[in-house]
Amino acid sequence: MADGTSVPIGVITGRRASARRANTMQRFARRRSTIAVLLALPLILLIAGLVIYPAIYAIYLSMLNKRMTSFVGLGNFAFLLKRHTFQLVIFQSCFFAVSAVILKAFIGFILAHLMHNIPSRNQRLWRGLLLVPWVIPLAMSTLGWWWLFDPSYSAFNWILNALGFQSVPWLGEAWIARICVVTVNVWFGTPFFMIMYLAALKSVPEQLYEAAAIDGAGAIQKLFFVTLPMMRNIIAITVLFSLIVTFADFDIVRILTAGGPQDTTHLFATYAFVVGIQSGDIPLGASVSLFMFPILAVAAFFVLRGVTRRSKEIAA
């Protein structure tokens, strides 16, 4: 060097290596994917701790005997499928979820169109009023419905008696109780469909409707050839989400009927509670709760595959 000193070659090599490592770390930190993973890491750990681990543990429990001392494999599932009560649970869960989701989607679609055509000045008021059933805690609103259906103090029966009709055992007969349970779920979940479909309607370009009108399309043709194609992905995702939530419903049945009459209104969640918690057979209760998984997995596969295919068609 100029002052007559020299730096060992090893020191120079070490400094260069450190500089390369620093540059590598800087490039790694600047990547958007890296930042995204780091920001999402707490949520990933939370999901792993509260969802993935309990799911794996539930699968493990479902393969044990009642005393949880020996491994029985799929014996609990085979035992459940032979029980008439569990066959009723499967039927009621599918009937409850499918009928409720169809009604919520249909009514929510109609309400969204009505809201879309209301002037913006009054739309906020009506939108807030229609969201009230969804905002109220489900357990609290279900208690109100239970009072309306109560055999001794039913407000509906009071109106029927005043009009000269006989009282109806709303929660005392199987099919009437099933319809009541579905009605409460539809009343609670329809505002969610309405607000999702309303947001989708707001995103449809007005130019499409104007072009369809120029071509001579009427209101029904605009609905089937403009509105529905533009809303298909939102409809599919909303239906899938609601199907998952409705299948896992617990509060409505537990408060209204507790599974009665004669176990005809039990869902997977309520029956798993009765078997696993109240009866003390935790492995059998875990088996009941896991029966929802293949049904929802198949539904999610077909719905998401359709959404992905339509998204690729739009992008192309």
C-alpha atoms as a PDB file:
ATOM      1  CA  MET A   1       0.000   0.000   0.000  1.00  0.00           C
ATOM      2  CA  ALA A   2       1.044   3.731  -0.243  1.00  0.00           C
ATOM      3  CA  ASP A   3       2.138   3.959   3.382  1.00  0.00           C
ATOM      4  CA  GLY A   4       4.223   0.845   3.070  1.00  0.00           C
ATOM      5  CA  THR A   5       1.823  -1.386   4.990  1.00  0.00           C
ATOM      6  CA  SER A   6       0.100  -4.364   3.534  1.00  0.00           C
ATOM      7  CA  VAL A   7      -3.193  -6.114   4.248  1.00  0.00           C
ATOM      8  CA  PRO A   8      -3.148  -9.877   4.411  1.00  0.00           C
ATOM      9  CA  ILE A   9      -4.887 -11.632   1.555  1.00  0.00           C
ATOM     10  CA  GLY A  10      -7.121 -13.550   4.004  1.00  0.00           C
ATOM     11  CA  VAL A  11      -8.496 -10.291   5.429  1.00  0.00           C
ATOM     12  CA  ILE A  12      -9.363  -8.967   1.946  1.00  0.00           C
ATOM     13  CA  THR A  13     -11.060 -12.250   1.060  1.00  0.00           C
ATOM     14  CA  GLY A  14     -13.068 -12.179   4.313  1.00  0.00           C
ATOM     15  CA  ARG A  15     -14.240  -8.626   3.658  1.00  0.00           C
ATOM     16  CA  ARG A  16     -15.344  -9.543   0.153  1.00  0.00           C
ATOM     17  CA  ALA A  17     -17.238 -12.572   1.463  1.00  0.00           C
ATOM     18  CA  SER A  18     -18.946 -10.412   4.096  1.00  0.00           C
ATOM     19  CA  ALA A  19     -19.903  -7.865   1.442  1.00  0.00           C
ATOM     20  CA  ARG A  20     -21.344 -10.612  -0.752  1.00  0.00           C
ATOM     21  CA  ARG A  21     -23.358 -12.006   2.164  1.00  0.00           C
ATOM     22  CA  ALA A  22     -24.667  -8.528   2.988  1.00  0.00           C
ATOM     23  CA  ASN A  23     -25.683  -7.964  -0.621  1.00  0.00           C
ATOM     24  CA  THR A  24     -27.369 -11.367  -0.722  1.00  0.00           C
ATOM     25  CA  MET A  25     -29.316 -10.585   2.471  1.00  0.00           C
ATOM     26  CA  GLN A  26     -30.359  -7.215   1.077  1.00  0.00           C
ATOM     27  CA  ARG A  27     -31.593  -8.778  -2.152  1.00  0.00           C
ATOM     28  CA  PHE A  28     -33.417 -11.457  -0.145  1.00  0.00           C
ATOM     29  CA  ALA A  29     -35.100  -8.815   2.039  1.00  0.00           C
ATOM     30  CA  ARG A  30     -36.148  -6.759  -0.976  1.00  0.00           C
ATOM     31  CA  ARG A  31     -38.094  -9.610  -2.542  1.00  0.00           C
ATOM     32  CA  ARG A  32     -41.818  -9.123  -2.255  1.00  0.00           C
ATOM     33  CA  SER A  33     -42.406 -12.826  -1.701  1.00  0.00           C
ATOM     34  CA  THR A  34     -40.054 -12.811   1.276  1.00  0.00           C
ATOM     35  CA  ILE A  35     -41.754  -9.811   2.852  1.00  0.00           C
ATOM     36  CA  ALA A  36     -45.156 -11.393   2.241  1.00  0.00           C
ATOM     37  CA  VAL A  37     -44.107 -14.633   3.956  1.00  0.00           C
ATOM     38  CA  LEU A  38     -42.661 -12.772   6.937  1.00  0.00           C
ATOM     39  CA  LEU A  39     -45.793 -10.648   7.342  1.00  0.00           C
ATOM     40  CA  ALA A  40     -48.056 -13.693   7.048  1.00  0.00           C
ATOM     41  CA  LEU A  41     -45.933 -15.856   9.355  1.00  0.00           C
ATOM     42  CA  PRO A  42     -47.859 -14.966  12.567  1.00  0.00           C
ATOM     43  CA  LEU A  43     -51.147 -15.865  10.875  1.00  0.00           C
ATOM     44  CA  ILE A  44     -49.649 -19.088   9.518  1.00  0.00           C
ATOM     45  CA  LEU A  45     -48.495 -20.073  12.995  1.00  0.00           C
ATOM     46  CA  LEU A  46     -51.904 -19.170  14.437  1.00  0.00           C
ATOM     47  CA  ILE A  47     -53.707 -21.309  11.864  1.00  0.00           C
ATOM     48  CA  ALA A  48     -51.283 -24.161  12.452  1.00  0.00           C
ATOM     49  CA  GLY A  49     -51.891 -23.991  16.196  1.00  0.00           C
ATOM     50  CA  LEU A  50     -55.676 -23.523  16.163  1.00  0.00           C
ATOM     51  CA  VAL A  51     -56.715 -25.422  13.007  1.00  0.00           C
ATOM     52  CA  ILE A  52     -54.120 -27.858  11.671  1.00  0.00           C
ATOM     53  CA  TYR A  53     -53.031 -29.354  14.995  1.00  0.00           C
ATOM     54  CA  PRO A  54     -56.610 -29.830  16.324  1.00  0.00           C
ATOM     55  CA  ALA A  55     -57.626 -31.405  12.999  1.00  0.00           C
ATOM     56  CA  ILE A  56     -54.756 -33.896  13.125  1.00  0.00           C
ATOM     57  CA  TYR A  57     -55.487 -34.624  16.785  1.00  0.00           C
ATOM     58  CA  ALA A  58     -59.185 -35.167  15.986  1.00  0.00           C
ATOM     59  CA  ILE A  59     -58.228 -37.704  13.303  1.00  0.00           C
ATOM     60  CA  TYR A  60     -56.049 -39.470  15.876  1.00  0.00           C
ATOM     61  CA  LEU A  61     -58.862 -39.505  18.464  1.00  0.00           C
ATOM     62  CA  SER A  62     -61.395 -40.861  15.969  1.00  0.00           C
ATOM     63  CA  MET A  63     -59.300 -44.018  15.609  1.00  0.00           C
ATOM     64  CA  LEU A  64     -59.304 -44.886  19.322  1.00  0.00           C
ATOM     65  CA  ASN A  65     -61.803 -46.831  21.396  1.00  0.00           C
ATOM     66  CA  LYS A  66     -64.099 -45.194  23.967  1.00  0.00           C
ATOM     67  CA  ARG A  67     -61.538 -45.496  26.781  1.00  0.00           C
ATOM     68  CA  MET A  68     -58.828 -44.187  24.415  1.00  0.00           C
ATOM     69  CA  THR A  69     -56.593 -47.121  25.281  1.00  0.00           C
ATOM     70  CA  SER A  70     -56.408 -49.003  21.982  1.00  0.00           C
ATOM     71  CA  PHE A  71     -56.375 -48.299  18.254  1.00  0.00           C
ATOM     72  CA  VAL A  72     -59.527 -49.337  16.361  1.00  0.00           C
ATOM     73  CA  GLY A  73     -58.839 -47.791  12.941  1.00  0.00           C
ATOM     74  CA  LEU A  74     -62.034 -46.985  11.060  1.00  0.00           C
ATOM     75  CA  GLY A  75     -64.183 -48.945  13.491  1.00  0.00           C
ATOM     76  CA  ASN A  76     -65.915 -45.838  14.869  1.00  0.00           C
ATOM     77  CA  PHE A  77     -66.931 -44.724  11.379  1.00  0.00           C
ATOM     78  CA  ALA A  78     -68.315 -48.171  10.535  1.00  0.00           C
ATOM     79  CA  PHE A  79     -70.237 -48.216  13.819  1.00  0.00           C
ATOM     80  CA  LEU A  80     -71.770 -44.798  13.118  1.00  0.00           C
ATOM     81  CA  LEU A  81     -72.916 -45.709   9.621  1.00  0.00           C
ATOM     82  CA  LYS A  82     -74.911 -48.630  11.036  1.00  0.00           C
ATOM     83  CA  ARG A  83     -76.829 -46.442  13.494  1.00  0.00           C
ATOM     84  CA  HIS A  84     -80.231 -45.177  12.388  1.00  0.00           C
ATOM     85  CA  THR A  85     -79.788 -41.974  14.380  1.00  0.00           C
ATOM     86  CA  PHE A  86     -76.607 -41.093  12.534  1.00  0.00           C
ATOM     87  CA  GLN A  87     -78.273 -41.794   9.201  1.00  0.00           C
ATOM     88  CA  LEU A  88     -80.879 -39.203  10.215  1.00  0.00           C
ATOM     89  CA  VAL A  89     -78.042 -36.815  11.086  1.00  0.00           C
ATOM     90  CA  ILE A  90     -76.515 -37.196   7.610  1.00  0.00           C
ATOM     91  CA  PHE A  91     -79.876 -36.610   5.930  1.00  0.00           C
ATOM     92  CA  GLN A  92     -80.770 -33.633   8.116  1.00  0.00           C
ATOM     93  CA  SER A  93     -77.333 -32.020   7.726  1.00  0.00           C
ATOM     94  CA  CYS A  94     -77.479 -32.265   3.929  1.00  0.00           C
ATOM     95  CA  PHE A  95     -81.112 -31.136   3.797  1.00  0.00           C
ATOM     96  CA  PHE A  96     -80.441 -28.250   6.177  1.00  0.00           C
ATOM     97  CA  ALA A  97     -77.298 -27.017   4.419  1.00  0.00           C
ATOM     98  CA  VAL A  98     -78.436 -27.385   0.808  1.00  0.00           C
ATOM     99  CA  SER A  99     -81.950 -25.977   1.271  1.00  0.00           C
ATOM    100  CA  ALA A 100     -80.748 -23.091   3.449  1.00  0.00           C
ATOM    101  CA  VAL A 101     -77.940 -22.105   1.062  1.00  0.00           C
ATOM    102  CA  ILE A 102     -80.249 -22.231  -1.977  1.00  0.00           C
ATOM    103  CA  LEU A 103     -82.859 -20.059  -0.257  1.00  0.00           C
ATOM    104  CA  LYS A 104     -80.249 -17.604   1.028  1.00  0.00           C
ATOM    105  CA  ALA A 105     -78.678 -17.298  -2.409  1.00  0.00           C
ATOM    106  CA  PHE A 106     -82.049 -16.790  -4.119  1.00  0.00           C
ATOM    107  CA  ILE A 107     -83.453 -14.272  -1.629  1.00  0.00           C
ATOM    108  CA  GLY A 108     -80.106 -12.484  -1.334  1.00  0.00           C
ATOM    109  CA  PHE A 109     -79.935 -12.166  -5.125  1.00  0.00           C
ATOM    110  CA  ILE A 110     -83.402 -10.579  -5.242  1.00  0.00           C
ATOM    111  CA  LEU A 111     -82.643  -8.197  -2.374  1.00  0.00           C
ATOM    112  CA  ALA A 112     -79.334  -7.196  -3.970  1.00  0.00           C
ATOM    113  CA  HIS A 113     -81.106  -6.238  -7.192  1.00  0.00           C
ATOM    114  CA  LEU A 114     -83.721  -4.271  -5.282  1.00  0.00           C
ATOM    115  CA  MET A 115     -81.010  -2.465  -3.325  1.00  0.00           C
ATOM    116  CA  HIS A 116     -79.033  -1.796  -6.505  1.00  0.00           C
ATOM    117  CA  ASN A 117     -82.000   0.039  -8.032  1.00  0.00           C
ATOM    118  CA  ILE A 118     -82.709   2.180  -4.957  1.00  0.00           C
ATOM    119  CA  PRO A 119     -81.313   5.744  -5.126  1.00  0.00           C
ATOM    120  CA  SER A 120     -78.001   6.069  -3.311  1.00  0.00           C
ATOM    121  CA  ARG A 121     -79.466   8.551  -0.809  1.00  0.00           C
ATOM    122  CA  ASN A 122     -81.848   5.953   0.649  1.00  0.00           C
ATOM    123  CA  GLN A 123     -79.724   2.914  -0.094  1.00  0.00           C
ATOM    124  CA  ARG A 124     -77.574   3.262   3.037  1.00  0.00           C
ATOM    125  CA  LEU A 125     -80.635   3.256   5.295  1.00  0.00           C
ATOM    126  CA  TRP A 126     -82.180   0.163   3.732  1.00  0.00           C
ATOM    127  CA  ARG A 127     -78.842  -1.601   3.571  1.00  0.00           C
ATOM    128  CA  GLY A 128     -78.296  -0.986   7.279  1.00  0.00           C
ATOM    129  CA  LEU A 129     -81.779  -2.238   8.165  1.00  0.00           C
ATOM    130  CA  LEU A 130     -81.392  -5.402   6.102  1.00  0.00           C
ATOM    131  CA  LEU A 131     -78.022  -6.139   7.721  1.00  0.00           C
ATOM    132  CA  VAL A 132     -79.512  -6.173  11.231  1.00  0.00           C
ATOM    133  CA  PRO A 133     -80.273  -9.967  11.275  1.00  0.00           C
ATOM    134  CA  TRP A 134     -76.649 -10.698  10.341  1.00  0.00           C
ATOM    135  CA  VAL A 135     -75.202  -8.252  12.890  1.00  0.00           C
ATOM    136  CA  ILE A 136     -77.197  -9.512  15.892  1.00  0.00           C
ATOM    137  CA  PRO A 137     -75.408 -12.399  17.693  1.00  0.00           C
ATOM    138  CA  LEU A 138     -76.865 -15.657  16.432  1.00  0.00           C
ATOM    139  CA  ALA A 139     -77.512 -17.103  19.901  1.00  0.00           C
ATOM    140  CA  MET A 140     -79.488 -14.021  20.911  1.00  0.00           C
ATOM    141  CA  SER A 141     -81.611 -13.914  17.762  1.00  0.00           C
ATOM    142  CA  THR A 142     -82.239 -17.672  17.978  1.00  0.00           C
ATOM    143  CA  LEU A 143     -83.614 -17.199  21.484  1.00  0.00           C
ATOM    144  CA  GLY A 144     -86.080 -14.700  20.032  1.00  0.00           C
ATOM    145  CA  TRP A 145     -87.147 -17.225  17.407  1.00  0.00           C
ATOM    146  CA  TRP A 146     -87.457 -19.900  20.095  1.00  0.00           C
ATOM    147  CA  TRP A 147     -89.933 -17.678  21.915  1.00  0.00           C
ATOM    148  CA  LEU A 148     -91.909 -17.230  18.681  1.00  0.00           C
ATOM    149  CA  PHE A 149     -92.047 -21.019  18.220  1.00  0.00           C
ATOM    150  CA  ASP A 150     -92.591 -21.929  21.890  1.00  0.00           C
ATOM    151  CA  PRO A 151     -95.633 -24.242  22.257  1.00  0.00           C
ATOM    152  CA  SER A 152     -96.985 -22.391  25.295  1.00  0.00           C
ATOM    153  CA  TYR A 153     -96.204 -18.759  24.465  1.00  0.00           C
ATOM    154  CA  SER A 154     -95.844 -18.799  20.676  1.00  0.00           C
ATOM    155  CA  ALA A 155     -96.617 -15.443  19.087  1.00  0.00           C
ATOM    156  CA  PHE A 156     -97.352 -17.231  15.813  1.00  0.00           C
ATOM    157  CA  ASN A 157     -99.910 -19.499  17.499  1.00  0.00           C
ATOM    158  CA  TRP A 158    -101.470 -16.491  19.207  1.00  0.00           C
ATOM    159  CA  ILE A 159    -102.036 -14.903  15.795  1.00  0.00           C
ATOM    160  CA  LEU A 160    -103.403 -18.169  14.391  1.00  0.00           C
ATOM    161  CA  ASN A 161    -105.787 -18.579  17.334  1.00  0.00           C
ATOM    162  CA  ALA A 162    -106.972 -14.996  16.931  1.00  0.00           C
ATOM    163  CA  LEU A 163    -107.793 -15.774  13.298  1.00  0.00           C
ATOM    164  CA  GLY A 164    -109.674 -18.929  14.278  1.00  0.00           C
ATOM    165  CA  PHE A 165    -107.010 -21.511  13.410  1.00  0.00           C
ATOM    166  CA  GLN A 166    -105.557 -24.221  15.629  1.00  0.00           C
ATOM    167  CA  SER A 167    -102.116 -23.992  17.190  1.00  0.00           C
ATOM    168  CA  VAL A 168     -99.221 -25.512  15.283  1.00  0.00           C
ATOM    169  CA  PRO A 169     -96.579 -27.614  17.107  1.00  0.00           C
ATOM    170  CA  TRP A 170     -93.723 -25.725  15.494  1.00  0.00           C
ATOM    171  CA  LEU A 171     -90.946 -27.621  17.245  1.00  0.00           C
ATOM    172  CA  GLY A 172     -92.900 -30.781  18.104  1.00  0.00           C
ATOM    173  CA  GLU A 173     -93.175 -32.450  14.688  1.00  0.00           C
ATOM    174  CA  ALA A 174     -90.173 -33.552  12.662  1.00  0.00           C
ATOM    175  CA  TRP A 175     -90.728 -31.824   9.334  1.00  0.00           C
ATOM    176  CA  ILE A 176     -92.167 -28.649  10.837  1.00  0.00           C
ATOM    177  CA  ALA A 177     -89.150 -28.434  13.169  1.00  0.00           C
ATOM    178  CA  ARG A 178     -86.796 -28.962  10.223  1.00  0.00           C
ATOM    179  CA  ILE A 179     -88.460 -26.146   8.302  1.00  0.00           C
ATOM    180  CA  CYS A 180     -88.275 -23.878  11.356  1.00  0.00           C
ATOM    181  CA  VAL A 181     -84.549 -24.550  11.726  1.00  0.00           C
ATOM    182  CA  VAL A 182     -83.951 -23.794   8.039  1.00  0.00           C
ATOM    183  CA  THR A 183     -86.072 -20.622   8.312  1.00  0.00           C
ATOM    184  CA  VAL A 184     -83.966 -19.226  11.147  1.00  0.00           C
ATOM    185  CA  ASN A 185     -80.738 -19.939   9.279  1.00  0.00           C
ATOM    186  CA  VAL A 186     -82.090 -18.271   6.126  1.00  0.00           C
ATOM    187  CA  TRP A 187     -83.195 -15.240   8.131  1.00  0.00           C
ATOM    188  CA  PHE A 188     -79.724 -14.928   9.657  1.00  0.00           C
ATOM    189  CA  GLY A 189     -77.608 -15.608   6.550  1.00  0.00           C
ATOM    190  CA  THR A 190     -79.503 -13.845   3.753  1.00  0.00           C
ATOM    191  CA  PRO A 191     -77.980 -10.378   4.494  1.00  0.00           C
ATOM    192  CA  PHE A 192     -74.500 -11.809   3.873  1.00  0.00           C
ATOM    193  CA  PHE A 193     -75.527 -12.969   0.397  1.00  0.00           C
ATOM    194  CA  MET A 194     -77.248  -9.652  -0.246  1.00  0.00           C
ATOM    195  CA  ILE A 195     -74.190  -7.544   0.570  1.00  0.00           C
ATOM    196  CA  MET A 196     -71.856  -9.806  -1.453  1.00  0.00           C
ATOM    197  CA  TYR A 197     -74.113  -9.797  -4.486  1.00  0.00           C
ATOM    198  CA  LEU A 198     -74.676  -6.053  -4.169  1.00  0.00           C
ATOM    199  CA  ALA A 199     -70.916  -5.487  -4.279  1.00  0.00           C
ATOM    200  CA  ALA A 200     -70.702  -7.727  -7.357  1.00  0.00           C
ATOM    201  CA  LEU A 201     -73.501  -5.797  -9.058  1.00  0.00           C
ATOM    202  CA  LYS A 202     -71.700  -2.514  -8.403  1.00  0.00           C
ATOM    203  CA  SER A 203     -68.642  -3.886 -10.211  1.00  0.00           C
ATOM    204  CA  VAL A 204     -70.511  -4.775 -13.434  1.00  0.00           C
ATOM    205  CA  PRO A 205     -69.716  -2.059 -16.038  1.00  0.00           C
ATOM    206  CA  GLU A 206     -72.718  -0.055 -17.150  1.00  0.00           C
ATOM    207  CA  GLN A 207     -71.379  -0.143 -20.720  1.00  0.00           C
ATOM    208  CA  LEU A 208     -72.316  -3.818 -20.935  1.00  0.00           C
ATOM    209  CA  TYR A 209     -75.944  -3.045 -20.119  1.00  0.00           C
ATOM    210  CA  GLU A 210     -75.960  -0.169 -22.595  1.00  0.00           C
ATOM    211  CA  ALA A 211     -74.528  -2.402 -25.341  1.00  0.00           C
ATOM    212  CA  ALA A 212     -77.088  -5.088 -24.557  1.00  0.00           C
ATOM    213  CA  ALA A 213     -79.907  -2.507 -24.713  1.00  0.00           C
ATOM    214  CA  ILE A 214     -78.683  -1.309 -28.113  1.00  0.00           C
ATOM    215  CA  ASP A 215     -78.819  -4.922 -29.344  1.00  0.00           C
ATOM    216  CA  GLY A 216     -82.453  -5.092 -28.198  1.00  0.00           C
ATOM    217  CA  ALA A 217     -81.968  -7.141 -25.011  1.00  0.00           C
ATOM    218  CA  GLY A 218     -84.702  -6.994 -22.406  1.00  0.00           C
ATOM    219  CA  ALA A 219     -84.418  -7.166 -18.611  1.00  0.00           C
ATOM    220  CA  ILE A 220     -84.434 -10.965 -18.490  1.00  0.00           C
ATOM    221  CA  GLN A 221     -81.845 -11.248 -21.264  1.00  0.00           C
ATOM    222  CA  LYS A 222     -79.608  -8.739 -19.491  1.00  0.00           C
ATOM    223  CA  LEU A 223     -79.935 -10.823 -16.333  1.00  0.00           C
ATOM    224  CA  PHE A 224     -78.946 -14.127 -17.946  1.00  0.00           C
ATOM    225  CA  PHE A 225     -76.384 -12.889 -20.469  1.00  0.00           C
ATOM    226  CA  VAL A 226     -74.760  -9.946 -18.651  1.00  0.00           C
ATOM    227  CA  THR A 227     -75.371  -9.987 -14.898  1.00  0.00           C
ATOM    228  CA  LEU A 228     -75.070 -13.693 -14.105  1.00  0.00           C
ATOM    229  CA  PRO A 229     -71.920 -14.325 -16.215  1.00  0.00           C
ATOM    230  CA  MET A 230     -70.209 -11.363 -14.544  1.00  0.00           C
ATOM    231  CA  MET A 231     -71.250 -12.575 -11.073  1.00  0.00           C
ATOM    232  CA  ARG A 232     -70.542 -16.298 -11.459  1.00  0.00           C
ATOM    233  CA  ASN A 233     -67.278 -16.318  -9.508  1.00  0.00           C
ATOM    234  CA  ILE A 234     -68.709 -14.264  -6.646  1.00  0.00           C
ATOM    235  CA  ILE A 235     -71.797 -16.486  -6.525  1.00  0.00           C
ATOM    236  CA  ALA A 236     -69.671 -19.653  -6.458  1.00  0.00           C
ATOM    237  CA  ILE A 237     -67.324 -18.426  -3.710  1.00  0.00           C
ATOM    238  CA  THR A 238     -70.218 -17.103  -1.596  1.00  0.00           C
ATOM    239  CA  VAL A 239     -72.152 -20.357  -1.920  1.00  0.00           C
ATOM    240  CA  LEU A 240     -69.070 -22.402  -0.987  1.00  0.00           C
ATOM    241  CA  PHE A 241     -68.312 -20.270   2.071  1.00  0.00           C
ATOM    242  CA  SER A 242     -71.934 -20.354   3.220  1.00  0.00           C
ATOM    243  CA  LEU A 243     -72.118 -24.120   2.660  1.00  0.00           C
ATOM    244  CA  ILE A 244     -69.115 -24.669   4.923  1.00  0.00           C
ATOM    245  CA  VAL A 245     -70.494 -22.398   7.655  1.00  0.00           C
ATOM    246  CA  THR A 246     -74.006 -23.858   7.407  1.00  0.00           C
ATOM    247  CA  PHE A 247     -72.780 -27.452   7.626  1.00  0.00           C
ATOM    248  CA  ALA A 248     -70.898 -26.545  10.802  1.00  0.00           C
ATOM    249  CA  ASP A 249     -73.844 -24.701  12.376  1.00  0.00           C
ATOM    250  CA  PHE A 250     -74.412 -25.406  16.066  1.00  0.00           C
ATOM    251  CA  ASP A 251     -76.271 -22.559  17.779  1.00  0.00           C
ATOM    252  CA  ILE A 252     -79.593 -22.683  15.932  1.00  0.00           C
ATOM    253  CA  VAL A 253     -80.332 -26.377  16.434  1.00  0.00           C
ATOM    254  CA  ARG A 254     -78.912 -26.457  19.943  1.00  0.00           C
ATOM    255  CA  ILE A 255     -81.110 -23.578  21.138  1.00  0.00           C
ATOM    256  CA  LEU A 256     -84.282 -24.275  19.152  1.00  0.00           C
ATOM    257  CA  THR A 257     -84.700 -28.045  19.326  1.00  0.00           C
ATOM    258  CA  ALA A 258     -81.589 -29.576  20.955  1.00  0.00           C
ATOM    259  CA  GLY A 259     -81.807 -32.160  18.169  1.00  0.00           C
ATOM    260  CA  GLY A 260     -85.444 -33.118  18.764  1.00  0.00           C
ATOM    261  CA  PRO A 261     -88.033 -34.282  18.224  1.00  0.00           C
ATOM    262  CA  GLN A 262     -86.572 -37.800  18.332  1.00  0.00           C
ATOM    263  CA  ASP A 263     -83.163 -36.723  16.971  1.00  0.00           C
ATOM    264  CA  THR A 264     -84.653 -35.603  13.640  1.00  0.00           C
ATOM    265  CA  THR A 265     -83.066 -32.138  13.600  1.00  0.00           C
ATOM    266  CA  HIS A 266     -79.555 -33.019  14.735  1.00  0.00           C
ATOM    267  CA  LEU A 267     -76.659 -31.726  12.642  1.00  0.00           C
ATOM    268  CA  PHE A 268     -73.096 -33.021  12.640  1.00  0.00           C
ATOM    269  CA  ALA A 269     -71.973 -30.401  15.160  1.00  0.00           C
ATOM    270  CA  THR A 270     -74.853 -30.881  17.621  1.00  0.00           C
ATOM    271  CA  TYR A 271     -74.710 -34.674  17.420  1.00  0.00           C
ATOM    272  CA  ALA A 272     -70.942 -34.627  17.927  1.00  0.00           C
ATOM    273  CA  PHE A 273     -71.517 -32.520  21.055  1.00  0.00           C
ATOM    274  CA  VAL A 274     -74.119 -34.950  22.394  1.00  0.00           C
ATOM    275  CA  VAL A 275     -72.020 -38.044  21.695  1.00  0.00           C
ATOM    276  CA  GLY A 276     -68.595 -36.671  22.543  1.00  0.00           C
ATOM    277  CA  ILE A 277     -69.246 -34.257  25.420  1.00  0.00           C
ATOM    278  CA  GLN A 278     -72.541 -35.229  27.039  1.00  0.00           C
ATOM    279  CA  SER A 279     -72.121 -38.990  26.617  1.00  0.00           C
ATOM    280  CA  GLY A 280     -68.378 -38.952  27.229  1.00  0.00           C
ATOM    281  CA  ASP A 281     -67.404 -40.858  24.083  1.00  0.00           C
ATOM    282  CA  ILE A 282     -64.831 -38.396  22.729  1.00  0.00           C
ATOM    283  CA  PRO A 283     -63.444 -40.668  19.952  1.00  0.00           C
ATOM    284  CA  LEU A 284     -66.944 -41.303  18.599  1.00  0.00           C
ATOM    285  CA  GLY A 285     -67.718 -37.569  18.782  1.00  0.00           C
ATOM    286  CA  ALA A 286     -64.535 -36.835  16.838  1.00  0.00           C
ATOM    287  CA  SER A 287     -65.622 -39.357  14.226  1.00  0.00           C
ATOM    288  CA  VAL A 288     -68.975 -37.600  13.858  1.00  0.00           C
ATOM    289  CA  SER A 289     -67.336 -34.209  13.376  1.00  0.00           C
ATOM    290  CA  LEU A 290     -64.944 -35.588  10.736  1.00  0.00           C
ATOM    291  CA  PHE A 291     -67.809 -36.810   8.546  1.00  0.00           C
ATOM    292  CA  MET A 292     -68.242 -33.227   7.323  1.00  0.00           C
ATOM    293  CA  PHE A 293     -64.745 -33.093   5.873  1.00  0.00           C
ATOM    294  CA  PRO A 294     -65.125 -35.348   2.771  1.00  0.00           C
ATOM    295  CA  ILE A 295     -68.482 -33.756   1.871  1.00  0.00           C
ATOM    296  CA  LEU A 296     -67.095 -30.237   2.066  1.00  0.00           C
ATOM    297  CA  ALA A 297     -63.815 -31.231   0.383  1.00  0.00           C
ATOM    298  CA  VAL A 298     -65.666 -32.575  -2.664  1.00  0.00           C
ATOM    299  CA  ALA A 299     -67.871 -29.468  -2.856  1.00  0.00           C
ATOM    300  CA  ALA A 300     -64.854 -27.159  -2.498  1.00  0.00           C
ATOM    301  CA  PHE A 301     -62.938 -29.043  -5.213  1.00  0.00           C
ATOM    302  CA  PHE A 302     -65.652 -28.668  -7.845  1.00  0.00           C
ATOM    303  CA  VAL A 303     -66.521 -25.073  -6.948  1.00  0.00           C
ATOM    304  CA  LEU A 304     -62.912 -23.853  -6.898  1.00  0.00           C
ATOM    305  CA  ARG A 305     -62.105 -25.740 -10.092  1.00  0.00           C
ATOM    306  CA  GLY A 306     -64.986 -23.953 -11.819  1.00  0.00           C
ATOM    307  CA  VAL A 307     -63.839 -20.585 -10.478  1.00  0.00           C
ATOM    308  CA  THR A 308     -60.268 -21.200 -11.668  1.00  0.00           C
ATOM    309  CA  ARG A 309     -61.444 -22.243 -15.130  1.00  0.00           C
ATOM    310  CA  ARG A 310     -63.646 -19.155 -15.503  1.00  0.00           C
ATOM    311  CA  SER A 311     -60.830 -16.896 -14.287  1.00  0.00           C
ATOM    312  CA  LYS A 312     -58.503 -18.325 -16.949  1.00  0.00           C
ATOM    313  CA  GLU A 313     -61.170 -17.794 -19.608  1.00  0.00           C
ATOM    314  CA  ILE A 314     -61.551 -14.149 -18.574  1.00  0.00           C
ATOM    315  CA  ALA A 315     -57.766 -13.625 -18.522  1.00  0.00           C
ATOM    316  CA  ALA A 316     -57.407 -15.165 -21.983  1.00  0.00           C
END
